[in-house]
Amino acid sequence: MSGVLVFACVVALVLINVPIAVALGIAAVVAMLATQGTPSLPNLAIAMYQGATSFPLIAIPLFILAGAIMNTSGISKRLIDFCSAMLGSMKGALAQVNVVTSMFFAEISGSAVADVAATGPILIPAMKKRGYSGPFTAAVTSSSASLAIIIPPSIPMILYAVMAGTSVVQLFVAGIVPGLIAGFAMMGLCHYYAVKYNWPVEDPFKFRRLWASFKDASWALTLPLIILGGIFGGVVTATEGAALAVVAALFVGLFIYRELDWKHLRDAIIDGGVQTGVVMLLVASSTLLGLYLTEAQLPQKLAAALMDVTREKWAVLALLNIFFLFIGMFLHSAAAIILVVPIVMPLVTAVGIDPVHFGVMVTLNLAIGQQTPPVASVLMITCSIAKENVWDVTRANIPFILVLLATLMLVTYVPVTTLGLVDVFYR
C-alpha cells in the first residue's frame, strides 16, 4: 500500500506543475524518512551521484549535443534537398519528403525533439506554401519525428537499457525493423491522401538534380553509416558511438559544409547542456525512488498480484501496453521509463517476456505518447513551430497515431519483428 501512496504522491505533484525530477525526489525522501528515519539521509547524495554516472548514460548528452550541432550545420537542409530530388516526382511529394527526412535524421540524432527542431522550420512553411493544410502538415511532421526514438540510435532506448539492465546494442538492432515498418506505413498513408486530394507533384524526376543533391548530401548520408556501422560492427560501444557522432558532426559542420560558426556551436552546446541537465536530474532523483521501491519490494508484489490475476503472456502484454499508453499521455518518455520500468521488470521476467522485445514495446508506446495530449511533448513543439491549434492537429494526427498503434500490435504479438535481427547477429 505504501508504494501506491508514493506513486500517487508523484502523480499529484506532477499535476500541480512540480517538476518531475523534484516530484520524484520529494516522494522518495518522504517515504524513506517515514520508513527508515533520519539515518537514511546521509546516503541520499551518494545514491543520486552513483545513479547518474553509469557509463551507458554518457551517450545521452553526447547524442543530444550531436543533434544540436547538426541542427545548425546545414546537415538537415541537405538531407531534405536530397529526399526532395529523390521523391519529387510523386504526388504529395513534400509529405513523403517529410517522412523520409525524419527517417534519415532518426539515424543520427536519437531524439524526436531534435528531429522537429531540424526539419520543422524548413518543411512546414514549404508544405503550407504548396497548399497542404496546416493541421495535416503539423501532424505528419510531428508523427514522423517520433520515428527518431524507434529507429536507432535512440535516447529512450539507452535509458531503458540502463533501467532494465539489458544491451543497448541489441535494443538498437531490435528497433530497425519496427521503425522502418512505421515509416513506410506513414509514407503509404501520405500517398493515399495525395491521390484522394490530388496533391501536387513537385518536380519531374531529373537524374542530374538527384546526383547533384546526392553529392551535396553525401557527407550527411555517411554519418549514419559511421555511427551505426561502428556500433553494430562492434568497433565502438553505444557510448563511444555517441562521441563519434559529435566528432563527425563537428568535422562536417566546420570543415566540409563550413556553416557551423562559433556562435552556433556555443548555442548548440548550451542547448545540449540544458536538455542533458533535465534528463540527468530525472535519472539521479529516480535513483532514490528506486532504492525505496527495492526495499519495499513493490515490483515483486506487483508482479505477484498480476500473476494471480492472469498468467497468460498475451494478456500481460496487453495490460502492459495499456498501462504505458496511459502513462505516456501524462509523462515525458524519459520520466516514464525511469519511473515505471524498474517497477514492471520483475513481472516481465516472471512471464518470460524478452527484455529487448519489451524495450521496443515501451519505446513505441512512448512514441505514441509524444503525440497524444495532454502532455504530447513533440506534438506541442510542432504546433508551436507551425502556429496551429493543438486540437486541430490532433484530429489530423489520428491516422498517423493508428499507424503507430498497428506497429505496436505487430511488435507485441509477432516478436520476430524485433528479435529476428538480434537472434541472427547477437545470440
Protein backbone atom coordinates (compact mmCIF):
# COMPACT_ATOMS: atom_id res chain seq x y z
CA MET A 1 0.00 0.00 0.00
CA SER A 2 2.88 2.37 0.76
CA GLY A 3 4.17 2.01 -2.80
CA VAL A 4 0.78 3.00 -4.21
CA LEU A 5 0.78 6.10 -1.99
CA VAL A 6 4.25 7.07 -3.21
CA PHE A 7 3.21 6.68 -6.84
CA ALA A 8 0.03 8.71 -6.16
CA CYS A 9 2.16 11.39 -4.48
CA VAL A 10 4.39 11.66 -7.57
CA VAL A 11 1.39 11.95 -9.91
CA ALA A 12 -0.28 14.56 -7.68
CA LEU A 13 2.87 16.69 -7.55
CA VAL A 14 3.29 16.49 -11.32
CA LEU A 15 -0.34 17.52 -11.88
CA ILE A 16 0.22 20.71 -9.84
CA ASN A 17 3.23 21.54 -12.05
CA VAL A 18 6.03 20.47 -9.72
CA PRO A 19 8.98 19.48 -11.98
CA ILE A 20 9.01 15.71 -12.40
CA ALA A 21 12.56 15.28 -11.09
CA VAL A 22 11.69 17.28 -7.96
CA ALA A 23 8.44 15.31 -7.50
CA LEU A 24 10.34 12.01 -7.67
CA GLY A 25 12.89 13.22 -5.14
CA ILE A 26 10.28 14.59 -2.70
CA ALA A 27 8.20 11.40 -2.78
CA ALA A 28 11.26 9.18 -2.30
CA VAL A 29 12.74 11.23 0.57
CA VAL A 30 9.42 11.46 2.43
CA ALA A 31 8.83 7.72 2.03
CA MET A 32 12.34 6.85 3.22
CA LEU A 33 12.04 9.16 6.22
CA ALA A 34 8.69 7.60 7.11
CA THR A 35 10.02 4.03 6.95
CA GLN A 36 13.72 4.34 7.84
CA GLY A 37 14.01 7.62 9.75
CA THR A 38 16.83 10.18 9.54
CA PRO A 39 19.74 7.66 9.34
CA SER A 40 18.95 7.21 5.65
CA LEU A 41 19.59 10.90 4.79
CA PRO A 42 23.44 10.93 4.61
CA ASN A 43 23.39 8.31 1.85
CA LEU A 44 20.99 10.14 -0.47
CA ALA A 45 23.53 12.39 -2.21
CA ILE A 46 25.88 9.46 -2.86
CA ALA A 47 22.99 7.38 -4.26
CA MET A 48 21.95 10.20 -6.61
CA TYR A 49 25.53 10.66 -7.83
CA GLN A 50 26.08 6.97 -8.45
CA GLY A 51 22.73 6.65 -10.22
CA ALA A 52 23.61 9.39 -12.72
CA THR A 53 27.16 8.28 -13.51
CA SER A 54 26.54 4.97 -15.26
CA PHE A 55 28.80 4.65 -18.33
CA PRO A 56 25.98 3.98 -20.85
CA LEU A 57 24.22 7.18 -19.73
CA ILE A 58 27.13 9.25 -21.06
CA ALA A 59 25.71 8.53 -24.52
CA ILE A 60 22.66 10.69 -23.76
CA PRO A 61 24.37 14.12 -23.53
CA LEU A 62 26.61 13.19 -26.46
CA PHE A 63 23.69 12.28 -28.77
CA ILE A 64 21.84 15.42 -27.62
CA LEU A 65 24.89 17.54 -28.44
CA ALA A 66 25.36 15.82 -31.80
CA GLY A 67 21.73 16.54 -32.73
CA ALA A 68 22.05 20.18 -31.65
CA ILE A 69 25.21 20.61 -33.78
CA MET A 70 23.54 19.00 -36.81
CA ASN A 71 20.59 21.38 -36.49
CA THR A 72 22.88 24.36 -37.08
CA SER A 73 25.42 22.96 -39.54
CA GLY A 74 23.39 22.57 -42.75
CA ILE A 75 23.07 18.80 -42.46
CA SER A 76 19.26 18.75 -42.19
CA LYS A 77 18.82 21.10 -45.17
CA ARG A 78 20.95 18.89 -47.39
CA LEU A 79 19.07 15.77 -46.32
CA ILE A 80 15.78 17.49 -47.22
CA ASP A 81 17.13 18.57 -50.63
CA PHE A 82 18.27 15.02 -51.40
CA CYS A 83 14.93 13.48 -50.35
CA SER A 84 13.09 16.10 -52.41
CA ALA A 85 15.13 15.28 -55.52
CA MET A 86 14.54 11.55 -54.95
CA LEU A 87 10.76 11.76 -54.30
CA GLY A 88 9.73 14.99 -56.04
CA SER A 89 8.01 13.21 -58.93
CA MET A 90 5.46 11.54 -56.60
CA LYS A 91 2.05 13.01 -55.82
CA GLY A 92 2.16 14.73 -52.46
CA ALA A 93 5.93 14.69 -52.65
CA LEU A 94 6.57 17.10 -49.79
CA ALA A 95 4.63 14.88 -47.36
CA GLN A 96 6.76 11.92 -48.46
CA VAL A 97 9.91 14.03 -48.14
CA ASN A 98 8.85 14.93 -44.61
CA VAL A 99 8.63 11.28 -43.54
CA VAL A 100 11.79 10.09 -45.31
CA THR A 101 13.85 13.02 -43.99
CA SER A 102 12.74 12.13 -40.47
CA MET A 103 13.82 8.53 -41.07
CA PHE A 104 17.28 9.70 -42.17
CA PHE A 105 17.58 12.17 -39.30
CA ALA A 106 16.45 9.48 -36.83
CA GLU A 107 19.63 7.56 -37.67
CA ILE A 108 21.71 10.46 -36.41
CA SER A 109 20.05 12.28 -33.52
CA GLY A 110 18.13 9.74 -31.39
CA SER A 111 15.70 12.47 -30.34
CA ALA A 112 12.26 13.36 -31.72
CA VAL A 113 12.60 16.90 -30.39
CA ALA A 114 15.87 17.33 -32.30
CA ASP A 115 14.15 15.97 -35.44
CA VAL A 116 11.30 18.50 -35.22
CA ALA A 117 13.70 21.34 -34.45
CA ALA A 118 15.80 20.47 -37.50
CA THR A 119 13.17 19.71 -40.14
CA GLY A 120 10.05 21.56 -38.96
CA PRO A 121 11.14 25.15 -39.65
CA ILE A 122 12.08 24.16 -43.22
CA LEU A 123 9.36 21.70 -44.25
CA ILE A 124 6.29 23.17 -42.52
CA PRO A 125 6.38 26.56 -44.34
CA ALA A 126 7.23 24.81 -47.63
CA MET A 127 4.26 22.43 -47.34
CA LYS A 128 1.85 25.24 -46.40
CA LYS A 129 3.06 27.29 -49.36
CA ARG A 130 2.26 24.39 -51.69
CA GLY A 131 -1.32 24.18 -50.40
CA TYR A 132 -1.16 21.45 -47.73
CA SER A 133 -3.47 22.17 -44.80
CA GLY A 134 -1.78 23.47 -41.66
CA PRO A 135 -3.09 20.71 -39.34
CA PHE A 136 -2.04 17.91 -41.74
CA THR A 137 1.39 19.50 -42.22
CA ALA A 138 1.96 19.67 -38.47
CA ALA A 139 0.57 16.14 -37.97
CA VAL A 140 2.86 14.44 -40.49
CA THR A 141 5.87 16.41 -39.19
CA SER A 142 5.14 15.51 -35.57
CA SER A 143 4.37 11.81 -36.08
CA SER A 144 7.28 11.14 -38.41
CA ALA A 145 9.62 12.86 -35.91
CA SER A 146 8.72 10.21 -33.33
CA LEU A 147 10.42 7.66 -35.57
CA ALA A 148 13.63 9.11 -34.12
CA ILE A 149 13.14 7.21 -30.86
CA ILE A 150 12.31 3.93 -32.63
CA ILE A 151 14.96 3.85 -35.38
CA PRO A 152 18.43 3.65 -33.76
CA PRO A 153 20.18 5.36 -32.16
CA SER A 154 17.53 6.21 -29.56
CA ILE A 155 17.93 8.11 -26.30
CA PRO A 156 14.87 6.44 -24.67
CA MET A 157 16.33 3.03 -25.59
CA ILE A 158 19.56 3.93 -23.82
CA LEU A 159 17.61 4.92 -20.71
CA TYR A 160 15.57 1.71 -20.86
CA ALA A 161 18.71 -0.42 -21.24
CA VAL A 162 20.19 1.13 -18.08
CA MET A 163 16.96 0.76 -16.08
CA ALA A 164 16.30 -2.81 -17.27
CA GLY A 165 19.92 -4.00 -17.28
CA THR A 166 19.90 -5.10 -20.91
CA SER A 167 22.05 -4.48 -24.01
CA VAL A 168 21.89 -1.08 -25.70
CA VAL A 169 23.22 -2.50 -28.96
CA GLN A 170 20.64 -5.29 -29.07
CA LEU A 171 17.88 -2.74 -28.44
CA PHE A 172 19.17 -0.59 -31.29
CA VAL A 173 19.16 -3.58 -33.64
CA ALA A 174 15.67 -4.59 -32.48
CA GLY A 175 14.32 -1.13 -33.34
CA ILE A 176 15.37 -1.19 -37.01
CA VAL A 177 12.52 -3.26 -38.48
CA PRO A 178 9.68 -1.68 -36.44
CA GLY A 179 10.99 1.79 -37.27
CA LEU A 180 11.11 1.03 -40.99
CA ILE A 181 7.64 -0.56 -40.90
CA ALA A 182 6.15 2.52 -39.21
CA GLY A 183 7.97 4.87 -41.60
CA PHE A 184 6.89 3.07 -44.77
CA ALA A 185 3.32 2.80 -43.44
CA MET A 186 3.29 6.57 -42.93
CA MET A 187 4.53 7.03 -46.49
CA GLY A 188 1.67 4.80 -47.70
CA LEU A 189 -0.82 6.91 -45.74
CA CYS A 190 0.59 10.09 -47.30
CA HIS A 191 0.26 8.54 -50.76
CA TYR A 192 -3.39 7.66 -50.05
CA TYR A 193 -4.13 11.28 -49.13
CA ALA A 194 -2.16 12.55 -52.13
CA VAL A 195 -4.29 10.51 -54.54
CA LYS A 196 -7.52 11.32 -52.69
CA TYR A 197 -6.94 15.09 -52.69
CA ASN A 198 -4.87 15.27 -55.89
CA TRP A 199 -1.90 16.88 -54.19
CA PRO A 200 0.79 18.32 -56.47
CA VAL A 201 3.90 16.75 -57.94
CA GLU A 202 6.80 18.98 -57.00
CA ASP A 203 9.21 18.36 -59.88
CA PRO A 204 9.60 15.81 -62.64
CA PHE A 205 12.35 13.33 -61.87
CA LYS A 206 15.75 14.53 -63.09
CA PHE A 207 18.76 12.31 -62.60
CA ARG A 208 21.10 15.31 -62.82
CA ARG A 209 19.33 17.00 -59.89
CA LEU A 210 19.31 13.79 -57.87
CA TRP A 211 23.02 13.26 -58.46
CA ALA A 212 23.87 16.87 -57.55
CA SER A 213 21.85 16.71 -54.32
CA PHE A 214 23.35 13.31 -53.50
CA LYS A 215 26.88 14.67 -53.84
CA ASP A 216 25.98 17.69 -51.72
CA ALA A 217 24.41 15.47 -49.03
CA SER A 218 26.96 12.67 -49.23
CA TRP A 219 28.71 13.66 -46.01
CA ALA A 220 25.38 13.94 -44.20
CA LEU A 221 24.42 10.50 -45.52
CA THR A 222 27.67 8.93 -44.32
CA LEU A 223 27.04 9.96 -40.70
CA PRO A 224 24.53 7.14 -40.01
CA LEU A 225 26.90 4.65 -41.66
CA ILE A 226 29.76 5.80 -39.45
CA ILE A 227 27.74 5.90 -36.22
CA LEU A 228 25.58 2.80 -36.60
CA GLY A 229 28.19 0.85 -38.55
CA GLY A 230 30.66 1.33 -35.72
CA ILE A 231 28.14 0.33 -33.05
CA PHE A 232 26.65 -2.68 -34.84
CA GLY A 233 30.04 -3.84 -36.06
CA GLY A 234 31.36 -3.98 -32.52
CA VAL A 235 34.06 -1.40 -33.26
CA VAL A 236 32.67 1.03 -30.68
CA THR A 237 30.16 0.82 -27.84
CA ALA A 238 26.94 2.85 -27.98
CA THR A 239 28.54 5.46 -25.73
CA GLU A 240 31.65 5.67 -27.91
CA GLY A 241 29.37 5.82 -30.95
CA ALA A 242 27.69 8.87 -29.45
CA ALA A 243 31.08 10.53 -29.01
CA LEU A 244 31.88 9.61 -32.61
CA ALA A 245 28.62 11.29 -33.67
CA VAL A 246 29.72 14.55 -32.01
CA VAL A 247 33.16 14.45 -33.63
CA ALA A 248 31.68 13.63 -37.06
CA ALA A 249 29.07 16.40 -36.77
CA LEU A 250 31.76 18.92 -35.77
CA PHE A 251 34.02 17.85 -38.63
CA VAL A 252 31.27 18.04 -41.26
CA GLY A 253 29.82 21.30 -39.93
CA LEU A 254 33.16 23.10 -39.50
CA PHE A 255 35.32 21.80 -42.34
CA ILE A 256 33.06 20.32 -45.03
CA TYR A 257 29.89 22.44 -45.13
CA ARG A 258 31.51 25.33 -43.21
CA GLU A 259 28.15 26.55 -41.92
CA LEU A 260 28.87 25.92 -38.24
CA ASP A 261 30.36 29.09 -36.75
CA TRP A 262 31.41 29.58 -33.15
CA LYS A 263 28.16 31.37 -32.21
CA HIS A 264 26.04 28.46 -33.43
CA LEU A 265 28.39 25.98 -31.76
CA ARG A 266 28.06 27.83 -28.45
CA ASP A 267 24.27 27.84 -28.79
CA ALA A 268 24.31 24.11 -29.57
CA ILE A 269 26.44 23.38 -26.50
CA ILE A 270 24.14 25.44 -24.25
CA ASP A 271 21.03 23.79 -25.70
CA GLY A 272 22.57 20.35 -25.30
CA GLY A 273 23.61 21.16 -21.73
CA VAL A 274 20.10 22.28 -20.76
CA GLN A 275 18.46 19.16 -22.23
CA THR A 276 21.09 16.95 -20.58
CA GLY A 277 20.52 18.62 -17.21
CA VAL A 278 16.80 17.85 -17.40
CA VAL A 279 17.33 14.17 -18.24
CA MET A 280 20.18 13.52 -15.80
CA LEU A 281 18.38 15.19 -12.88
CA LEU A 282 15.49 12.83 -13.60
CA VAL A 283 17.86 9.86 -13.54
CA ALA A 284 19.51 10.99 -10.29
CA SER A 285 16.25 11.62 -8.42
CA SER A 286 14.74 8.38 -9.73
CA THR A 287 17.61 6.51 -8.08
CA LEU A 288 16.22 7.50 -4.68
CA LEU A 289 12.78 6.24 -5.61
CA GLY A 290 14.33 3.05 -6.91
CA LEU A 291 16.07 2.47 -3.58
CA TYR A 292 12.83 2.85 -1.68
CA LEU A 293 10.84 0.64 -4.06
CA THR A 294 13.50 -2.06 -3.88
CA GLU A 295 13.47 -2.05 -0.08
CA ALA A 296 9.65 -2.06 -0.05
CA GLN A 297 9.67 -4.88 -2.66
CA LEU A 298 6.90 -3.13 -4.59
CA PRO A 299 7.98 -4.51 -8.02
CA GLN A 300 7.87 -8.07 -6.73
CA LYS A 301 4.50 -7.52 -5.04
CA LEU A 302 3.06 -6.02 -8.23
CA ALA A 303 4.32 -8.98 -10.27
CA ALA A 304 2.80 -11.44 -7.82
CA ALA A 305 -0.55 -9.61 -7.80
CA LEU A 306 -0.83 -9.59 -11.59
CA MET A 307 0.29 -13.21 -11.80
CA ASP A 308 -2.61 -14.07 -9.50
CA VAL A 309 -4.98 -12.39 -11.99
CA THR A 310 -3.54 -13.99 -15.14
CA ARG A 311 -0.51 -15.95 -16.21
CA GLU A 312 -1.32 -15.70 -19.91
CA LYS A 313 1.55 -13.98 -21.65
CA TRP A 314 -0.66 -12.29 -24.27
CA ALA A 315 -2.90 -10.82 -21.55
CA VAL A 316 0.07 -9.47 -19.59
CA LEU A 317 1.42 -7.89 -22.79
CA ALA A 318 -1.95 -6.23 -23.42
CA LEU A 319 -2.12 -4.89 -19.85
CA LEU A 320 1.43 -3.52 -20.07
CA ASN A 321 0.64 -1.79 -23.38
CA ILE A 322 -2.50 -0.17 -21.94
CA PHE A 323 -0.53 0.94 -18.88
CA PHE A 324 2.31 2.51 -20.88
CA LEU A 325 -0.09 4.16 -23.34
CA PHE A 326 -1.83 5.78 -20.37
CA ILE A 327 1.42 6.80 -18.66
CA GLY A 328 2.76 8.19 -21.95
CA MET A 329 -0.15 10.64 -22.11
CA PHE A 330 0.99 12.33 -18.89
CA LEU A 331 4.76 11.82 -18.60
CA HIS A 332 7.76 12.64 -20.77
CA SER A 333 9.30 9.49 -22.24
CA ALA A 334 12.43 9.72 -20.05
CA ALA A 335 10.34 10.16 -16.90
CA ALA A 336 8.03 7.29 -17.82
CA ILE A 337 10.94 4.90 -18.39
CA ILE A 338 12.73 5.92 -15.21
CA LEU A 339 9.63 5.76 -13.04
CA VAL A 340 7.85 2.67 -14.40
CA VAL A 341 10.34 0.26 -15.98
CA PRO A 342 12.06 -0.79 -12.70
CA ILE A 343 8.61 -1.48 -11.23
CA VAL A 344 7.35 -3.75 -14.01
CA MET A 345 10.57 -5.63 -14.87
CA PRO A 346 10.00 -8.43 -12.32
CA LEU A 347 6.62 -9.07 -13.94
CA VAL A 348 8.19 -9.02 -17.42
CA THR A 349 10.78 -11.56 -16.29
CA ALA A 350 8.22 -13.73 -14.49
CA VAL A 351 6.05 -14.30 -17.57
CA GLY A 352 9.04 -14.89 -19.87
CA ILE A 353 8.98 -11.70 -21.95
CA ASP A 354 12.34 -10.96 -23.57
CA PRO A 355 13.62 -7.64 -22.12
CA VAL A 356 14.84 -6.49 -25.55
CA HIS A 357 11.41 -7.20 -27.07
CA PHE A 358 9.76 -5.37 -24.17
CA GLY A 359 12.12 -2.41 -24.61
CA VAL A 360 10.92 -1.83 -28.18
CA MET A 361 7.31 -2.13 -26.97
CA VAL A 362 7.95 0.53 -24.33
CA THR A 363 9.62 2.82 -26.87
CA LEU A 364 6.71 2.51 -29.30
CA ASN A 365 4.20 3.21 -26.54
CA LEU A 366 6.10 6.35 -25.58
CA ALA A 367 6.41 7.41 -29.24
CA ILE A 368 2.60 7.36 -29.31
CA GLY A 369 2.58 9.26 -26.01
CA GLN A 370 4.58 12.04 -27.69
CA GLN A 371 1.55 12.54 -29.98
CA THR A 372 -1.34 12.25 -27.50
CA PRO A 373 -2.40 15.22 -25.31
CA PRO A 374 -2.38 16.49 -22.64
CA VAL A 375 1.45 16.38 -22.49
CA ALA A 376 2.36 15.29 -26.07
CA SER A 377 5.81 16.89 -25.98
CA VAL A 378 6.67 16.52 -29.68
CA LEU A 379 3.17 17.48 -30.84
CA MET A 380 3.26 20.67 -28.75
CA ILE A 381 6.63 21.73 -30.16
CA THR A 382 5.43 21.05 -33.71
CA CYS A 383 2.23 23.07 -33.17
CA SER A 384 4.35 25.93 -31.86
CA ILE A 385 6.54 25.89 -34.97
CA ALA A 386 3.54 25.52 -37.30
CA LYS A 387 1.40 28.04 -35.36
CA GLU A 388 -1.55 25.65 -35.43
CA ASN A 389 -4.20 24.75 -32.86
CA VAL A 390 -3.29 21.63 -30.87
CA TRP A 391 -6.71 20.01 -31.15
CA ASP A 392 -6.96 20.61 -34.92
CA VAL A 393 -3.57 18.97 -35.36
CA THR A 394 -4.54 16.12 -33.03
CA ARG A 395 -7.57 15.32 -35.20
CA ALA A 396 -5.40 15.32 -38.33
CA ASN A 397 -2.87 13.18 -36.48
CA ILE A 398 -5.26 10.32 -35.64
CA PRO A 399 -4.47 8.25 -38.79
CA PHE A 400 -0.73 8.52 -38.09
CA ILE A 401 -1.28 7.51 -34.45
CA LEU A 402 -3.23 4.49 -35.73
CA VAL A 403 -0.20 3.57 -37.87
CA LEU A 404 1.98 3.62 -34.74
CA LEU A 405 -0.62 1.59 -32.83
CA ALA A 406 -0.75 -1.02 -35.60
CA THR A 407 3.06 -1.23 -35.49
CA LEU A 408 2.86 -1.65 -31.71
CA MET A 409 0.43 -4.56 -32.05
CA LEU A 410 2.68 -6.20 -34.64
CA VAL A 411 5.73 -5.80 -32.41
CA THR A 412 3.84 -7.04 -29.33
CA TYR A 413 2.44 -10.25 -30.77
CA VAL A 414 4.96 -11.06 -33.50
CA PRO A 415 8.26 -10.94 -31.55
CA VAL A 416 10.35 -11.90 -34.58
CA THR A 417 9.70 -8.35 -35.82
CA THR A 418 12.07 -7.11 -33.15
CA LEU A 419 14.13 -10.16 -32.23
CA GLY A 420 14.79 -11.57 -35.71
CA LEU A 421 17.91 -9.49 -36.42
CA VAL A 422 19.04 -9.71 -32.80
CA ASP A 423 18.89 -13.52 -32.85
CA VAL A 424 20.79 -13.68 -36.16
CA PHE A 425 23.66 -11.35 -35.26
CA TYR A 426 23.92 -11.21 -31.46
CA ARG A 427 22.67 -14.50 -29.99
